[in-house]
C-alpha cells in the first residue's frame, strides 16, 4: 500500500521518469526511531519498490518520523538535520546527494499533515493487542523472564562444565 501511495505521489510530477532515472538501481534503507517501522526503497527506472525490513542498501537513514518529514519537505533544513545527527546516515555519500537532489524535484508539503502522534499511538495499541489479547507477541515482562531463565541455565551449564573438569582431572 505504501508503495502504491508513494508511486502515485511521484507520478504527479510530469518529469518523474527523468528524476527516477537518476536514482535507478539505488536502494535506501529507512528506520524510524519512534515507530516500529523499517523499510527499504529500491529505485527502479519507472517506479519505487518498497520492501519491508532492512535489506542490503546503498544508503541507510535513521531518524524519528518528524525528522524524516522535515528532511523530505524542507530543503534548507537537510544539512542541519544531518550535522546535528537527527538524521543518521551510513553508506554511500553520493547516494545521499542524489537522494537530496531527487527530493528537490517534488513537493512533499503534504507530509506535514501526517498525524505522527496518532500513528505512534496506533502502533503501540496494535503491539499491546497482539501481546495481551491474541498472545502472539511476547510481552516485555515475558521476554525479561525468558532472558533470566536462559542466564540461569548458562550459569548452571558453567558449573557443570567446571565440575566435569574437576572430575576428569581427579580421574587422571
N, C-alpha and C. Protein backbone atom coordinates (compact mmCIF):
# COMPACT_ATOMS: atom_id res chain seq x y z
N UNK A 1 0.82 -1.19 0.00
CA UNK A 1 0.00 0.00 0.00
C UNK A 1 0.87 1.26 0.00
N UNK A 2 1.92 1.25 0.84
CA UNK A 2 2.83 2.39 0.87
C UNK A 2 3.50 2.58 -0.49
N UNK A 3 3.82 1.48 -1.13
CA UNK A 3 4.44 1.54 -2.46
C UNK A 3 3.50 2.23 -3.45
N UNK A 4 2.23 1.88 -3.41
CA UNK A 4 1.24 2.49 -4.31
C UNK A 4 1.10 3.98 -4.05
N UNK A 5 1.00 4.34 -2.78
CA UNK A 5 0.86 5.76 -2.43
C UNK A 5 2.08 6.55 -2.87
N UNK A 6 3.26 6.02 -2.59
CA UNK A 6 4.49 6.71 -2.96
C UNK A 6 4.61 6.89 -4.47
N UNK A 7 4.32 5.84 -5.22
CA UNK A 7 4.44 5.92 -6.67
C UNK A 7 3.37 6.83 -7.29
N UNK A 8 2.19 6.82 -6.75
CA UNK A 8 1.16 7.74 -7.25
C UNK A 8 1.52 9.18 -6.97
N UNK A 9 2.15 9.39 -5.82
CA UNK A 9 2.56 10.74 -5.47
C UNK A 9 3.63 11.25 -6.44
N UNK A 10 4.66 10.45 -6.70
CA UNK A 10 5.71 10.93 -7.59
C UNK A 10 5.22 11.03 -9.04
N UNK A 11 4.20 10.24 -9.40
CA UNK A 11 3.64 10.32 -10.75
C UNK A 11 2.94 11.64 -11.02
N UNK A 12 2.64 12.38 -9.97
CA UNK A 12 2.00 13.69 -10.15
C UNK A 12 2.94 14.68 -10.82
N UNK A 13 4.24 14.46 -10.69
CA UNK A 13 5.21 15.32 -11.35
C UNK A 13 5.39 14.82 -12.78
N UNK A 14 5.18 15.70 -13.79
CA UNK A 14 5.24 15.23 -15.18
C UNK A 14 6.63 14.73 -15.61
N UNK A 15 7.67 15.09 -14.89
CA UNK A 15 9.03 14.70 -15.26
C UNK A 15 9.59 13.62 -14.34
N UNK A 16 8.73 12.90 -13.63
CA UNK A 16 9.19 11.94 -12.63
C UNK A 16 10.08 10.85 -13.22
N UNK A 17 9.84 10.44 -14.47
CA UNK A 17 10.66 9.39 -15.07
C UNK A 17 12.12 9.84 -15.23
N UNK A 18 12.32 11.09 -15.56
CA UNK A 18 13.68 11.64 -15.68
C UNK A 18 14.37 11.61 -14.32
N UNK A 19 13.64 12.00 -13.27
CA UNK A 19 14.22 12.04 -11.93
C UNK A 19 14.49 10.63 -11.41
N UNK A 20 13.62 9.69 -11.74
CA UNK A 20 13.83 8.30 -11.32
C UNK A 20 15.05 7.70 -12.01
N UNK A 21 15.32 8.10 -13.24
CA UNK A 21 16.49 7.60 -13.96
C UNK A 21 17.78 7.91 -13.19
N UNK A 22 17.81 9.06 -12.54
CA UNK A 22 18.99 9.47 -11.78
C UNK A 22 19.19 8.59 -10.54
N UNK A 23 18.11 8.02 -10.02
CA UNK A 23 18.18 7.19 -8.81
C UNK A 23 18.10 5.69 -9.10
N UNK A 24 17.83 5.33 -10.35
CA UNK A 24 17.61 3.92 -10.71
C UNK A 24 18.78 3.05 -10.28
N UNK A 25 18.44 1.92 -9.69
CA UNK A 25 19.44 0.97 -9.22
C UNK A 25 19.91 1.21 -7.80
N UNK A 26 19.52 2.32 -7.21
CA UNK A 26 19.93 2.64 -5.84
C UNK A 26 18.90 2.11 -4.85
N UNK A 27 19.36 1.77 -3.67
CA UNK A 27 18.44 1.34 -2.62
C UNK A 27 18.76 2.10 -1.34
N UNK A 28 17.70 2.45 -0.62
CA UNK A 28 17.82 3.23 0.61
C UNK A 28 17.03 2.54 1.71
N UNK A 29 17.71 2.22 2.79
CA UNK A 29 17.06 1.62 3.96
C UNK A 29 16.66 2.74 4.91
N UNK A 30 15.44 2.66 5.42
CA UNK A 30 14.93 3.69 6.32
C UNK A 30 14.45 3.03 7.60
N UNK A 31 14.92 3.57 8.72
CA UNK A 31 14.49 3.07 10.03
C UNK A 31 13.94 4.24 10.84
N UNK A 32 12.71 4.10 11.27
CA UNK A 32 12.08 5.11 12.11
C UNK A 32 12.41 4.79 13.57
N UNK A 33 12.99 5.76 14.28
CA UNK A 33 13.37 5.53 15.67
C UNK A 33 12.16 5.49 16.60
N UNK A 34 11.10 6.20 16.25
CA UNK A 34 9.94 6.30 17.13
C UNK A 34 8.78 5.40 16.70
N UNK A 35 8.93 4.68 15.62
CA UNK A 35 7.91 3.77 15.14
C UNK A 35 8.56 2.41 14.87
N UNK A 36 7.85 1.34 15.06
CA UNK A 36 8.44 0.02 14.74
C UNK A 36 8.37 -0.26 13.24
N UNK A 37 8.94 0.64 12.46
CA UNK A 37 8.88 0.53 11.01
C UNK A 37 10.29 0.60 10.43
N UNK A 38 10.62 -0.41 9.64
CA UNK A 38 11.87 -0.44 8.90
C UNK A 38 11.53 -0.85 7.48
N UNK A 39 12.06 -0.11 6.52
CA UNK A 39 11.75 -0.43 5.13
C UNK A 39 12.93 -0.07 4.24
N UNK A 40 12.90 -0.65 3.05
CA UNK A 40 13.93 -0.37 2.06
C UNK A 40 13.25 0.09 0.77
N UNK A 41 13.73 1.20 0.25
CA UNK A 41 13.23 1.73 -1.02
C UNK A 41 14.21 1.33 -2.11
N UNK A 42 13.73 0.62 -3.10
CA UNK A 42 14.55 0.22 -4.25
C UNK A 42 14.07 1.04 -5.44
N UNK A 43 14.93 1.91 -5.94
CA UNK A 43 14.56 2.78 -7.05
C UNK A 43 14.74 2.03 -8.36
N UNK A 44 13.66 1.95 -9.12
CA UNK A 44 13.66 1.33 -10.45
C UNK A 44 13.61 2.44 -11.48
N UNK A 45 13.64 2.09 -12.75
CA UNK A 45 13.61 3.11 -13.81
C UNK A 45 12.26 3.81 -13.93
N UNK A 46 11.17 3.15 -13.54
CA UNK A 46 9.87 3.79 -13.71
C UNK A 46 9.01 3.77 -12.43
N UNK A 47 9.53 3.25 -11.34
CA UNK A 47 8.78 3.19 -10.09
C UNK A 47 9.72 2.94 -8.92
N UNK A 48 9.18 3.06 -7.71
CA UNK A 48 9.95 2.80 -6.49
C UNK A 48 9.33 1.58 -5.81
N UNK A 49 10.16 0.59 -5.55
CA UNK A 49 9.70 -0.61 -4.86
C UNK A 49 9.94 -0.43 -3.36
N UNK A 50 8.93 -0.73 -2.56
CA UNK A 50 9.04 -0.62 -1.11
C UNK A 50 9.04 -2.03 -0.54
N UNK A 51 10.10 -2.37 0.17
CA UNK A 51 10.23 -3.68 0.81
C UNK A 51 10.22 -3.48 2.32
N UNK A 52 9.50 -4.33 3.03
CA UNK A 52 9.52 -4.22 4.48
C UNK A 52 10.82 -4.80 5.00
N UNK A 53 11.35 -4.17 6.03
CA UNK A 53 12.60 -4.60 6.62
C UNK A 53 13.79 -3.91 5.99
N UNK A 54 14.92 -4.09 6.64
CA UNK A 54 16.17 -3.50 6.17
C UNK A 54 16.90 -4.56 5.34
N UNK A 55 17.19 -4.21 4.11
CA UNK A 55 17.89 -5.11 3.21
C UNK A 55 19.21 -4.46 2.81
N UNK A 56 20.04 -5.20 2.12
CA UNK A 56 21.33 -4.69 1.68
C UNK A 56 21.11 -3.42 0.86
N UNK A 57 21.42 -2.27 1.44
CA UNK A 57 21.12 -0.99 0.81
C UNK A 57 22.39 -0.18 0.59
N UNK A 58 22.33 0.69 -0.41
CA UNK A 58 23.45 1.59 -0.69
C UNK A 58 23.56 2.69 0.37
N UNK A 59 22.42 3.04 0.95
CA UNK A 59 22.37 4.12 1.94
C UNK A 59 21.36 3.74 3.01
N UNK A 60 21.72 3.97 4.27
CA UNK A 60 20.80 3.72 5.38
C UNK A 60 20.55 5.04 6.10
N UNK A 61 19.28 5.31 6.37
CA UNK A 61 18.88 6.51 7.10
C UNK A 61 18.10 6.10 8.34
N UNK A 62 18.36 6.78 9.44
CA UNK A 62 17.67 6.50 10.68
C UNK A 62 17.31 7.84 11.34
N UNK A 63 16.04 7.99 11.69
CA UNK A 63 15.58 9.24 12.33
C UNK A 63 14.18 9.02 12.87
N UNK A 64 13.69 10.01 13.60
CA UNK A 64 12.31 9.97 14.04
C UNK A 64 11.42 10.31 12.85
N UNK A 65 10.15 10.00 12.96
CA UNK A 65 9.23 10.27 11.86
C UNK A 65 9.15 11.77 11.57
N UNK A 66 9.16 12.60 12.60
CA UNK A 66 9.11 14.05 12.40
C UNK A 66 10.35 14.55 11.66
N UNK A 67 11.51 14.04 12.04
CA UNK A 67 12.74 14.45 11.36
C UNK A 67 12.76 14.02 9.90
N UNK A 68 12.18 12.84 9.60
CA UNK A 68 12.08 12.42 8.21
C UNK A 68 11.15 13.35 7.42
N UNK A 69 10.07 13.77 8.04
CA UNK A 69 9.15 14.70 7.37
C UNK A 69 9.88 16.01 7.07
N UNK A 70 10.61 16.52 8.04
CA UNK A 70 11.37 17.76 7.83
C UNK A 70 12.42 17.56 6.75
N UNK A 71 13.10 16.42 6.78
CA UNK A 71 14.14 16.11 5.79
C UNK A 71 13.56 16.10 4.38
N UNK A 72 12.38 15.53 4.24
CA UNK A 72 11.75 15.43 2.91
C UNK A 72 11.16 16.75 2.45
N UNK A 73 10.64 17.56 3.36
CA UNK A 73 9.89 18.75 2.96
C UNK A 73 10.70 20.04 2.92
N UNK A 74 11.75 20.13 3.71
CA UNK A 74 12.47 21.40 3.82
C UNK A 74 13.91 21.24 3.36
N UNK A 75 14.16 21.71 2.18
CA UNK A 75 15.49 21.62 1.58
C UNK A 75 16.54 22.30 2.46
N UNK A 76 16.21 23.45 3.01
CA UNK A 76 17.16 24.22 3.80
C UNK A 76 17.54 23.54 5.12
N UNK A 77 16.70 22.65 5.61
CA UNK A 77 16.94 22.00 6.90
C UNK A 77 17.73 20.69 6.80
N UNK A 78 17.90 20.15 5.61
CA UNK A 78 18.51 18.82 5.44
C UNK A 78 19.91 18.74 6.03
N UNK A 79 20.78 19.68 5.64
CA UNK A 79 22.15 19.64 6.12
C UNK A 79 22.21 19.84 7.64
N UNK A 80 21.34 20.68 8.15
CA UNK A 80 21.29 20.91 9.60
C UNK A 80 20.91 19.62 10.33
N UNK A 81 19.91 18.89 9.81
CA UNK A 81 19.49 17.63 10.42
C UNK A 81 20.62 16.60 10.38
N UNK A 82 21.35 16.57 9.28
CA UNK A 82 22.47 15.63 9.16
C UNK A 82 23.61 16.00 10.09
N UNK A 83 23.92 17.29 10.19
CA UNK A 83 25.01 17.73 11.05
C UNK A 83 24.69 17.53 12.52
N UNK A 84 23.45 17.72 12.90
CA UNK A 84 23.04 17.54 14.29
C UNK A 84 22.79 16.06 14.61
N UNK A 85 22.95 15.21 13.60
CA UNK A 85 22.73 13.77 13.72
C UNK A 85 21.32 13.42 14.15
N UNK A 86 20.38 14.26 13.76
CA UNK A 86 18.97 13.92 13.97
C UNK A 86 18.53 12.95 12.88
N UNK A 87 19.16 13.05 11.72
CA UNK A 87 19.04 12.05 10.66
C UNK A 87 20.43 11.43 10.52
N UNK A 88 20.53 10.17 10.87
CA UNK A 88 21.82 9.47 10.83
C UNK A 88 21.88 8.68 9.54
N UNK A 89 22.98 8.82 8.83
CA UNK A 89 23.13 8.09 7.58
C UNK A 89 24.40 7.25 7.61
N UNK A 90 24.35 6.17 6.88
CA UNK A 90 25.51 5.29 6.71
C UNK A 90 25.45 4.78 5.28
N UNK A 91 26.59 4.75 4.65
CA UNK A 91 26.63 4.26 3.29
C UNK A 91 27.25 5.26 2.34
N UNK A 92 26.88 5.16 1.10
CA UNK A 92 27.45 5.94 0.01
C UNK A 92 26.99 7.39 0.06
N UNK A 93 27.92 8.31 0.22
CA UNK A 93 27.61 9.73 0.29
C UNK A 93 27.02 10.25 -1.02
N UNK A 94 27.46 9.69 -2.14
CA UNK A 94 26.91 10.12 -3.43
C UNK A 94 25.43 9.77 -3.55
N UNK A 95 25.03 8.65 -2.97
CA UNK A 95 23.61 8.27 -3.00
C UNK A 95 22.80 9.26 -2.16
N UNK A 96 23.37 9.70 -1.04
CA UNK A 96 22.69 10.70 -0.22
C UNK A 96 22.52 12.00 -1.01
N UNK A 97 23.55 12.41 -1.72
CA UNK A 97 23.46 13.62 -2.53
C UNK A 97 22.41 13.46 -3.64
N UNK A 98 22.37 12.29 -4.27
CA UNK A 98 21.36 12.03 -5.31
C UNK A 98 19.95 12.05 -4.72
N UNK A 99 19.82 11.49 -3.52
CA UNK A 99 18.51 11.49 -2.85
C UNK A 99 18.06 12.92 -2.57
N UNK A 100 18.95 13.74 -2.07
CA UNK A 100 18.59 15.14 -1.80
C UNK A 100 18.18 15.84 -3.09
N UNK A 101 18.92 15.60 -4.17
CA UNK A 101 18.58 16.19 -5.46
C UNK A 101 17.22 15.67 -5.93
N UNK A 102 16.96 14.39 -5.74
CA UNK A 102 15.69 13.79 -6.13
C UNK A 102 14.54 14.43 -5.35
N UNK A 103 14.72 14.59 -4.04
CA UNK A 103 13.67 15.18 -3.20
C UNK A 103 13.38 16.63 -3.60
N UNK A 104 14.37 17.33 -4.13
CA UNK A 104 14.18 18.73 -4.54
C UNK A 104 13.16 18.86 -5.67
N UNK A 105 12.96 17.81 -6.43
CA UNK A 105 12.04 17.86 -7.58
C UNK A 105 10.57 17.68 -7.20
N UNK A 106 10.32 17.32 -5.96
CA UNK A 106 8.96 17.02 -5.55
C UNK A 106 8.56 17.90 -4.37
N UNK A 107 7.28 18.18 -4.30
CA UNK A 107 6.74 18.98 -3.21
C UNK A 107 6.09 18.04 -2.19
N UNK A 108 6.81 17.80 -1.10
CA UNK A 108 6.33 16.88 -0.07
C UNK A 108 5.64 17.61 1.08
N UNK A 109 5.12 18.77 0.80
CA UNK A 109 4.47 19.57 1.84
C UNK A 109 3.31 18.87 2.52
N UNK A 110 2.65 17.96 1.82
CA UNK A 110 1.52 17.24 2.42
C UNK A 110 1.95 16.37 3.59
N UNK A 111 3.23 15.99 3.62
CA UNK A 111 3.71 15.16 4.73
C UNK A 111 3.59 15.86 6.08
N UNK A 112 3.58 17.18 6.04
CA UNK A 112 3.46 17.94 7.29
C UNK A 112 2.15 17.62 8.02
N UNK A 113 1.16 17.17 7.28
CA UNK A 113 -0.15 16.93 7.87
C UNK A 113 -0.36 15.49 8.33
N UNK A 114 0.66 14.66 8.20
CA UNK A 114 0.54 13.28 8.67
C UNK A 114 0.51 13.30 10.20
N UNK A 115 -0.49 12.70 10.81
CA UNK A 115 -0.59 12.71 12.28
C UNK A 115 0.36 11.68 12.89
N UNK A 116 1.65 12.05 13.07
CA UNK A 116 2.64 11.09 13.55
C UNK A 116 2.34 10.61 14.97
N UNK A 117 1.82 11.48 15.80
CA UNK A 117 1.49 11.07 17.18
C UNK A 117 0.39 10.01 17.18
N UNK A 118 -0.59 10.19 16.33
CA UNK A 118 -1.67 9.20 16.23
C UNK A 118 -1.15 7.88 15.67
N UNK A 119 -0.24 7.96 14.71
CA UNK A 119 0.34 6.74 14.15
C UNK A 119 1.14 5.99 15.20
N UNK A 120 1.90 6.72 16.00
CA UNK A 120 2.66 6.09 17.08
C UNK A 120 1.73 5.41 18.07
N UNK A 121 0.67 6.10 18.47
CA UNK A 121 -0.28 5.53 19.42
C UNK A 121 -0.98 4.32 18.83
N UNK A 122 -1.35 4.39 17.56
CA UNK A 122 -1.99 3.25 16.89
C UNK A 122 -1.07 2.04 16.90
N UNK A 123 0.20 2.24 16.57
CA UNK A 123 1.13 1.11 16.54
C UNK A 123 1.37 0.55 17.95
N UNK A 124 1.44 1.43 18.95
CA UNK A 124 1.56 0.94 20.34
C UNK A 124 0.35 0.11 20.74
N UNK A 125 -0.85 0.59 20.34
CA UNK A 125 -2.07 -0.15 20.64
C UNK A 125 -2.07 -1.51 19.95
N UNK A 126 -1.58 -1.55 18.71
CA UNK A 126 -1.52 -2.82 17.99
C UNK A 126 -0.58 -3.81 18.68
N UNK A 127 0.58 -3.32 19.12
CA UNK A 127 1.52 -4.19 19.82
C UNK A 127 0.88 -4.71 21.10
N UNK A 128 0.23 -3.83 21.85
CA UNK A 128 -0.42 -4.23 23.09
C UNK A 128 -1.51 -5.27 22.82
N UNK A 129 -2.29 -5.06 21.76
CA UNK A 129 -3.35 -6.01 21.39
C UNK A 129 -2.76 -7.38 21.09
N UNK A 130 -1.71 -7.40 20.28
CA UNK A 130 -1.12 -8.69 19.90
C UNK A 130 -0.42 -9.35 21.07
N UNK A 131 0.03 -8.57 22.05
CA UNK A 131 0.67 -9.15 23.22
C UNK A 131 -0.35 -9.66 24.24
N UNK A 132 -1.34 -8.83 24.53
CA UNK A 132 -2.28 -9.15 25.60
C UNK A 132 -3.47 -9.97 25.13
N UNK A 133 -4.13 -9.53 24.08
CA UNK A 133 -5.37 -10.17 23.65
C UNK A 133 -5.11 -11.45 22.86
N UNK A 134 -4.30 -11.36 21.85
CA UNK A 134 -4.05 -12.52 20.98
C UNK A 134 -2.92 -13.39 21.50
N UNK A 135 -2.05 -12.81 22.34
CA UNK A 135 -0.91 -13.51 22.92
C UNK A 135 -0.03 -14.16 21.86
N UNK A 136 0.13 -13.43 20.75
CA UNK A 136 1.03 -13.90 19.70
C UNK A 136 2.43 -13.33 19.93
N UNK A 137 2.48 -12.06 20.28
CA UNK A 137 3.76 -11.43 20.58
C UNK A 137 4.01 -11.53 22.08
N UNK A 138 5.26 -11.76 22.43
CA UNK A 138 5.61 -11.83 23.84
C UNK A 138 5.66 -10.43 24.44
N UNK A 139 5.17 -10.31 25.65
CA UNK A 139 5.23 -9.02 26.33
C UNK A 139 6.66 -8.81 26.84
N UNK A 140 7.04 -7.58 27.12
CA UNK A 140 8.39 -7.32 27.64
C UNK A 140 8.67 -8.08 28.94
N UNK A 141 7.65 -8.25 29.78
CA UNK A 141 7.83 -8.99 31.04
C UNK A 141 8.19 -10.44 30.74
N UNK A 142 7.50 -11.07 29.79
CA UNK A 142 7.81 -12.44 29.43
C UNK A 142 9.20 -12.56 28.79
N UNK A 143 9.57 -11.59 28.00
CA UNK A 143 10.91 -11.60 27.40
C UNK A 143 11.99 -11.51 28.48
N UNK A 144 11.77 -10.62 29.46
CA UNK A 144 12.74 -10.49 30.55
C UNK A 144 12.82 -11.79 31.35
N UNK A 145 11.67 -12.41 31.61
CA UNK A 145 11.66 -13.68 32.34
C UNK A 145 12.42 -14.75 31.55
N UNK A 146 12.20 -14.81 30.26
CA UNK A 146 12.91 -15.76 29.41
C UNK A 146 14.42 -15.53 29.45
N UNK A 147 14.84 -14.26 29.37
CA UNK A 147 16.27 -13.94 29.45
C UNK A 147 16.86 -14.38 30.79
N UNK A 148 16.11 -14.16 31.87
CA UNK A 148 16.58 -14.59 33.19
C UNK A 148 16.75 -16.10 33.26
N UNK A 149 15.80 -16.82 32.70
CA UNK A 149 15.89 -18.28 32.70
C UNK A 149 17.07 -18.77 31.86
N UNK A 150 17.30 -18.14 30.73
CA UNK A 150 18.44 -18.51 29.89
C UNK A 150 19.74 -18.22 30.63
N UNK A 151 19.83 -17.09 31.31
CA UNK A 151 21.02 -16.75 32.08
C UNK A 151 21.26 -17.78 33.19
N UNK A 152 20.19 -18.19 33.88
CA UNK A 152 20.31 -19.21 34.93
C UNK A 152 20.81 -20.53 34.35
N UNK A 153 20.28 -20.91 33.19
CA UNK A 153 20.74 -22.14 32.54
C UNK A 153 22.21 -22.04 32.13
N UNK A 154 22.64 -20.88 31.66
CA UNK A 154 24.04 -20.70 31.30
C UNK A 154 24.94 -20.83 32.51
N UNK A 155 24.50 -20.27 33.65
CA UNK A 155 25.29 -20.39 34.87
C UNK A 155 25.36 -21.86 35.33
N UNK A 156 24.25 -22.56 35.27
CA UNK A 156 24.21 -23.97 35.65
C UNK A 156 25.12 -24.79 34.74
N UNK A 157 25.11 -24.51 33.45
CA UNK A 157 25.97 -25.20 32.50
C UNK A 157 27.44 -24.93 32.80
N UNK A 158 27.76 -23.70 33.14
CA UNK A 158 29.14 -23.36 33.51
C UNK A 158 29.58 -24.13 34.75
N UNK A 159 28.69 -24.24 35.75
CA UNK A 159 29.01 -25.00 36.97
C UNK A 159 29.22 -26.49 36.65
N UNK A 160 28.37 -27.03 35.79
CA UNK A 160 28.50 -28.44 35.40
C UNK A 160 29.81 -28.68 34.63
N UNK A 161 30.16 -27.76 33.76
CA UNK A 161 31.40 -27.88 32.99
C UNK A 161 32.60 -27.83 33.93
N UNK A 162 32.57 -26.93 34.90
CA UNK A 162 33.66 -26.84 35.87
C UNK A 162 33.74 -28.12 36.71
N UNK A 163 32.62 -28.64 37.12
CA UNK A 163 32.59 -29.88 37.92
C UNK A 163 33.14 -31.06 37.12
N UNK A 164 32.76 -31.15 35.82
CA UNK A 164 33.28 -32.22 34.96
C UNK A 164 34.79 -32.10 34.80
N UNK A 165 35.28 -30.87 34.67
CA UNK A 165 36.72 -30.66 34.54
C UNK A 165 37.45 -31.14 35.78
N UNK A 166 36.87 -30.88 36.97
CA UNK A 166 37.48 -31.33 38.23
C UNK A 166 37.47 -32.85 38.31
N UNK A 167 36.34 -33.46 37.92
CA UNK A 167 36.25 -34.92 37.97
C UNK A 167 37.21 -35.58 36.97
N UNK A 168 37.37 -35.02 35.80
CA UNK A 168 38.30 -35.55 34.80
C UNK A 168 39.73 -35.42 35.29
N UNK A 169 40.04 -34.31 35.93
CA UNK A 169 41.38 -34.11 36.48
C UNK A 169 41.65 -35.10 37.61
N UNK A 170 40.64 -35.41 38.41
CA UNK A 170 40.77 -36.34 39.53
C UNK A 170 41.00 -37.77 39.02
N UNK A 171 40.34 -38.14 37.93
CA UNK A 171 40.47 -39.49 37.37
C UNK A 171 41.85 -39.70 36.74
N UNK A 172 42.47 -38.64 36.23
CA UNK A 172 43.75 -38.84 35.56
C UNK A 172 44.87 -38.89 36.50
